[in-house]
Amino acid sequence: MSDQAPVDGAPSPPEPEPEPEPSPKPRSSRPTRSSFARLALLVGALGAATLILPRLPRERQVDFRFEDPASIIGVELAWTRENGDGEAVQGGSWHFAPGQAPRSLTTTVHLPNGHYAVDVTVERTGGRDDLRRVIELADTDHVTIPLR
């Protein structure tokens, strides 16, 4: 500062001191807490997905292959969980004129992965057959079940 008085005799106002520039935050090589939180959330979501996705119902094509379809006049199906309470979770029924049944009956089920018992009643012109098949529905979208 200068000790000289201004020309008109009034004291000069002091010059403002420059404000210090904010120093940049030091960069850390360690991840921040929010990075850990994001990573933990991602790992948790992936873990939950691997537990939940196999338990969600999916649409699957199931082919029932019949021996001697000419004698079949009706088919009834009941799907139950193998280690469940025995209550049917899905079913179906088909009726045919004598000699008109297909060799293969294709149906769609909407079930999650797991072990299932399929109770099949095949009505024939000469009687009735009750069959039971235990199958595992896993990652496949198409299953063939032979019935003899």
C-alpha atoms as a PDB file:
ATOM      1  CA  MET A   1       0.000   0.000   0.000  1.00  0.00           C
ATOM      2  CA  SER A   2       1.050   3.467  -0.630  1.00  0.00           C
ATOM      3  CA  ASP A   3       1.150   6.259   2.023  1.00  0.00           C
ATOM      4  CA  GLN A   4       0.354   8.960  -0.464  1.00  0.00           C
ATOM      5  CA  ALA A   5      -2.947  10.782  -0.166  1.00  0.00           C
ATOM      6  CA  PRO A   6      -5.159  11.107  -3.189  1.00  0.00           C
ATOM      7  CA  VAL A   7      -5.246  14.330  -5.098  1.00  0.00           C
ATOM      8  CA  ASP A   8      -8.561  15.573  -3.786  1.00  0.00           C
ATOM      9  CA  GLY A   9      -7.482  14.967  -0.183  1.00  0.00           C
ATOM     10  CA  ALA A  10      -9.734  11.993   0.665  1.00  0.00           C
ATOM     11  CA  PRO A  11      -8.079   8.849   1.867  1.00  0.00           C
ATOM     12  CA  SER A  12      -8.166   6.044  -0.653  1.00  0.00           C
ATOM     13  CA  PRO A  13      -9.982   2.893   0.244  1.00  0.00           C
ATOM     14  CA  PRO A  14      -7.765  -0.063   0.882  1.00  0.00           C
ATOM     15  CA  GLU A  15      -7.375  -2.376  -2.052  1.00  0.00           C
ATOM     16  CA  PRO A  16      -9.234  -5.641  -1.554  1.00  0.00           C
ATOM     17  CA  GLU A  17      -7.068  -8.626  -0.998  1.00  0.00           C
ATOM     18  CA  PRO A  18      -7.439 -11.249  -3.662  1.00  0.00           C
ATOM     19  CA  GLU A  19      -9.456 -14.281  -2.531  1.00  0.00           C
ATOM     20  CA  PRO A  20      -7.428 -17.401  -2.378  1.00  0.00           C
ATOM     21  CA  GLU A  21      -8.254 -19.910  -5.115  1.00  0.00           C
ATOM     22  CA  PRO A  22      -9.871 -23.028  -3.774  1.00  0.00           C
ATOM     23  CA  SER A  23      -7.419 -25.823  -3.793  1.00  0.00           C
ATOM     24  CA  PRO A  24      -8.540 -28.883  -5.748  1.00  0.00           C
ATOM     25  CA  LYS A  25      -9.501 -31.884  -3.626  1.00  0.00           C
ATOM     26  CA  PRO A  26      -6.745 -34.403  -3.660  1.00  0.00           C
ATOM     27  CA  ARG A  27      -7.613 -37.473  -5.704  1.00  0.00           C
ATOM     28  CA  SER A  28      -7.483 -40.651  -3.772  1.00  0.00           C
ATOM     29  CA  SER A  29      -6.527 -43.906  -5.363  1.00  0.00           C
ATOM     30  CA  ARG A  30      -8.987 -45.688  -3.057  1.00  0.00           C
ATOM     31  CA  PRO A  31     -12.628 -46.032  -4.176  1.00  0.00           C
ATOM     32  CA  THR A  32     -15.060 -43.809  -2.368  1.00  0.00           C
ATOM     33  CA  ARG A  33     -17.832 -45.002  -0.120  1.00  0.00           C
ATOM     34  CA  SER A  34     -20.388 -44.509  -2.888  1.00  0.00           C
ATOM     35  CA  SER A  35     -18.396 -46.815  -5.174  1.00  0.00           C
ATOM     36  CA  PHE A  36     -18.527 -49.502  -2.516  1.00  0.00           C
ATOM     37  CA  ALA A  37     -22.260 -48.944  -2.128  1.00  0.00           C
ATOM     38  CA  ARG A  38     -22.815 -49.313  -5.880  1.00  0.00           C
ATOM     39  CA  LEU A  39     -20.715 -52.456  -6.002  1.00  0.00           C
ATOM     40  CA  ALA A  40     -22.554 -53.952  -3.015  1.00  0.00           C
ATOM     41  CA  LEU A  41     -25.900 -53.135  -4.633  1.00  0.00           C
ATOM     42  CA  LEU A  42     -24.829 -54.765  -7.897  1.00  0.00           C
ATOM     43  CA  VAL A  43     -23.575 -57.906  -6.150  1.00  0.00           C
ATOM     44  CA  GLY A  44     -26.779 -58.098  -4.112  1.00  0.00           C
ATOM     45  CA  ALA A  45     -28.957 -57.696  -7.213  1.00  0.00           C
ATOM     46  CA  LEU A  46     -27.052 -60.430  -9.060  1.00  0.00           C
ATOM     47  CA  GLY A  47     -27.341 -62.741  -6.067  1.00  0.00           C
ATOM     48  CA  ALA A  48     -31.070 -62.131  -5.795  1.00  0.00           C
ATOM     49  CA  ALA A  49     -31.523 -62.711  -9.526  1.00  0.00           C
ATOM     50  CA  THR A  50     -29.759 -66.084  -9.370  1.00  0.00           C
ATOM     51  CA  LEU A  51     -32.090 -67.129  -6.550  1.00  0.00           C
ATOM     52  CA  ILE A  52     -35.335 -65.745  -7.966  1.00  0.00           C
ATOM     53  CA  LEU A  53     -35.111 -66.320 -11.734  1.00  0.00           C
ATOM     54  CA  PRO A  54     -35.160 -70.150 -11.618  1.00  0.00           C
ATOM     55  CA  ARG A  55     -38.284 -69.962  -9.434  1.00  0.00           C
ATOM     56  CA  LEU A  56     -40.222 -67.811 -11.866  1.00  0.00           C
ATOM     57  CA  PRO A  57     -42.659 -69.677 -14.112  1.00  0.00           C
ATOM     58  CA  ARG A  58     -41.648 -70.004 -17.765  1.00  0.00           C
ATOM     59  CA  GLU A  59     -43.505 -71.161 -20.794  1.00  0.00           C
ATOM     60  CA  ARG A  60     -42.402 -74.606 -22.023  1.00  0.00           C
ATOM     61  CA  GLN A  61     -43.525 -76.858 -24.842  1.00  0.00           C
ATOM     62  CA  VAL A  62     -44.218 -80.449 -23.805  1.00  0.00           C
ATOM     63  CA  ASP A  63     -44.742 -83.259 -26.322  1.00  0.00           C
ATOM     64  CA  PHE A  64     -46.517 -86.416 -25.181  1.00  0.00           C
ATOM     65  CA  ARG A  65     -45.730 -89.273 -27.597  1.00  0.00           C
ATOM     66  CA  PHE A  66     -48.320 -92.055 -27.670  1.00  0.00           C
ATOM     67  CA  GLU A  67     -48.005 -95.652 -28.666  1.00  0.00           C
ATOM     68  CA  ASP A  68     -51.023 -96.918 -30.644  1.00  0.00           C
ATOM     69  CA  PRO A  69     -52.807 -93.556 -31.012  1.00  0.00           C
ATOM     70  CA  ALA A  70     -55.603 -95.109 -33.125  1.00  0.00           C
ATOM     71  CA  SER A  71     -57.288 -96.492 -29.992  1.00  0.00           C
ATOM     72  CA  ILE A  72     -57.086 -93.218 -27.977  1.00  0.00           C
ATOM     73  CA  ILE A  73     -60.327 -91.268 -27.458  1.00  0.00           C
ATOM     74  CA  GLY A  74     -59.257 -89.012 -24.573  1.00  0.00           C
ATOM     75  CA  VAL A  75     -56.263 -87.747 -22.602  1.00  0.00           C
ATOM     76  CA  GLU A  76     -56.219 -86.005 -19.237  1.00  0.00           C
ATOM     77  CA  LEU A  77     -53.106 -84.494 -17.641  1.00  0.00           C
ATOM     78  CA  ALA A  78     -52.424 -83.200 -14.143  1.00  0.00           C
ATOM     79  CA  TRP A  79     -49.091 -81.611 -13.166  1.00  0.00           C
ATOM     80  CA  THR A  80     -48.144 -81.661  -9.461  1.00  0.00           C
ATOM     81  CA  ARG A  81     -44.978 -80.596  -7.668  1.00  0.00           C
ATOM     82  CA  GLU A  82     -43.035 -83.723  -6.781  1.00  0.00           C
ATOM     83  CA  ASN A  83     -42.402 -82.653  -3.169  1.00  0.00           C
ATOM     84  CA  GLY A  84     -45.533 -80.543  -2.792  1.00  0.00           C
ATOM     85  CA  ASP A  85     -48.922 -81.168  -1.264  1.00  0.00           C
ATOM     86  CA  GLY A  86     -50.134 -83.247  -4.222  1.00  0.00           C
ATOM     87  CA  GLU A  87     -52.465 -80.541  -5.483  1.00  0.00           C
ATOM     88  CA  ALA A  88     -52.463 -80.119  -9.257  1.00  0.00           C
ATOM     89  CA  VAL A  89     -50.695 -76.946 -10.387  1.00  0.00           C
ATOM     90  CA  GLN A  90     -51.720 -77.289 -14.032  1.00  0.00           C
ATOM     91  CA  GLY A  91     -53.676 -79.685 -16.196  1.00  0.00           C
ATOM     92  CA  GLY A  92     -55.402 -80.319 -19.479  1.00  0.00           C
ATOM     93  CA  SER A  93     -57.945 -82.508 -21.203  1.00  0.00           C
ATOM     94  CA  TRP A  94     -58.358 -83.572 -24.861  1.00  0.00           C
ATOM     95  CA  HIS A  95     -61.010 -85.723 -26.548  1.00  0.00           C
ATOM     96  CA  PHE A  96     -60.801 -87.360 -29.969  1.00  0.00           C
ATOM     97  CA  ALA A  97     -63.045 -89.285 -32.281  1.00  0.00           C
ATOM     98  CA  PRO A  98     -61.972 -92.939 -32.512  1.00  0.00           C
ATOM     99  CA  GLY A  99     -58.945 -93.240 -34.781  1.00  0.00           C
ATOM    100  CA  GLN A 100     -58.324 -89.464 -34.861  1.00  0.00           C
ATOM    101  CA  ALA A 101     -55.846 -89.023 -31.977  1.00  0.00           C
ATOM    102  CA  PRO A 102     -52.403 -87.728 -32.986  1.00  0.00           C
ATOM    103  CA  ARG A 103     -49.242 -89.725 -32.356  1.00  0.00           C
ATOM    104  CA  SER A 104     -47.859 -86.714 -30.500  1.00  0.00           C
ATOM    105  CA  LEU A 105     -49.817 -84.242 -28.379  1.00  0.00           C
ATOM    106  CA  THR A 106     -48.084 -80.893 -27.855  1.00  0.00           C
ATOM    107  CA  THR A 107     -49.133 -78.602 -25.029  1.00  0.00           C
ATOM    108  CA  THR A 108     -47.717 -75.544 -23.308  1.00  0.00           C
ATOM    109  CA  VAL A 109     -47.134 -75.378 -19.564  1.00  0.00           C
ATOM    110  CA  HIS A 110     -46.212 -72.311 -17.559  1.00  0.00           C
ATOM    111  CA  LEU A 111     -44.173 -73.656 -14.638  1.00  0.00           C
ATOM    112  CA  PRO A 112     -40.953 -72.791 -12.784  1.00  0.00           C
ATOM    113  CA  ASN A 113     -37.934 -75.108 -12.707  1.00  0.00           C
ATOM    114  CA  GLY A 114     -38.306 -78.147 -10.484  1.00  0.00           C
ATOM    115  CA  HIS A 115     -39.372 -81.770 -10.222  1.00  0.00           C
ATOM    116  CA  TYR A 116     -42.939 -82.519 -11.284  1.00  0.00           C
ATOM    117  CA  ALA A 117     -45.147 -85.568 -11.430  1.00  0.00           C
ATOM    118  CA  VAL A 118     -47.346 -85.775 -14.507  1.00  0.00           C
ATOM    119  CA  ASP A 119     -50.406 -87.971 -14.027  1.00  0.00           C
ATOM    120  CA  VAL A 120     -51.779 -89.003 -17.400  1.00  0.00           C
ATOM    121  CA  THR A 121     -55.062 -90.793 -17.989  1.00  0.00           C
ATOM    122  CA  VAL A 122     -55.361 -92.192 -21.484  1.00  0.00           C
ATOM    123  CA  GLU A 123     -58.870 -93.311 -22.410  1.00  0.00           C
ATOM    124  CA  ARG A 124     -58.920 -95.919 -25.123  1.00  0.00           C
ATOM    125  CA  THR A 125     -61.716 -97.604 -26.999  1.00  0.00           C
ATOM    126  CA  GLY A 126     -60.939-100.772 -25.024  1.00  0.00           C
ATOM    127  CA  GLY A 127     -60.243 -99.316 -21.561  1.00  0.00           C
ATOM    128  CA  ARG A 128     -58.256 -96.800 -19.644  1.00  0.00           C
ATOM    129  CA  ASP A 129     -54.545 -96.432 -18.781  1.00  0.00           C
ATOM    130  CA  ASP A 130     -53.339 -94.402 -15.790  1.00  0.00           C
ATOM    131  CA  LEU A 131     -49.682 -93.401 -16.072  1.00  0.00           C
ATOM    132  CA  ARG A 132     -47.345 -91.337 -13.933  1.00  0.00           C
ATOM    133  CA  ARG A 133     -44.092 -89.768 -15.074  1.00  0.00           C
ATOM    134  CA  VAL A 134     -41.715 -87.768 -12.899  1.00  0.00           C
ATOM    135  CA  ILE A 135     -39.688 -85.207 -14.807  1.00  0.00           C
ATOM    136  CA  GLU A 136     -37.390 -82.340 -14.007  1.00  0.00           C
ATOM    137  CA  LEU A 137     -38.052 -79.024 -15.678  1.00  0.00           C
ATOM    138  CA  ALA A 138     -34.752 -77.187 -15.825  1.00  0.00           C
ATOM    139  CA  ASP A 139     -33.311 -74.791 -18.370  1.00  0.00           C
ATOM    140  CA  THR A 140     -34.993 -76.408 -21.365  1.00  0.00           C
ATOM    141  CA  ASP A 141     -37.982 -74.937 -23.177  1.00  0.00           C
ATOM    142  CA  HIS A 142     -38.990 -78.176 -24.911  1.00  0.00           C
ATOM    143  CA  VAL A 143     -39.622 -81.572 -23.283  1.00  0.00           C
ATOM    144  CA  THR A 144     -40.701 -84.883 -24.834  1.00  0.00           C
ATOM    145  CA  ILE A 145     -42.436 -87.501 -22.681  1.00  0.00           C
ATOM    146  CA  PRO A 146     -43.017 -90.940 -24.215  1.00  0.00           C
ATOM    147  CA  LEU A 147     -46.177 -92.727 -23.030  1.00  0.00           C
ATOM    148  CA  ARG A 148     -46.527 -96.488 -23.629  1.00  0.00           C
END
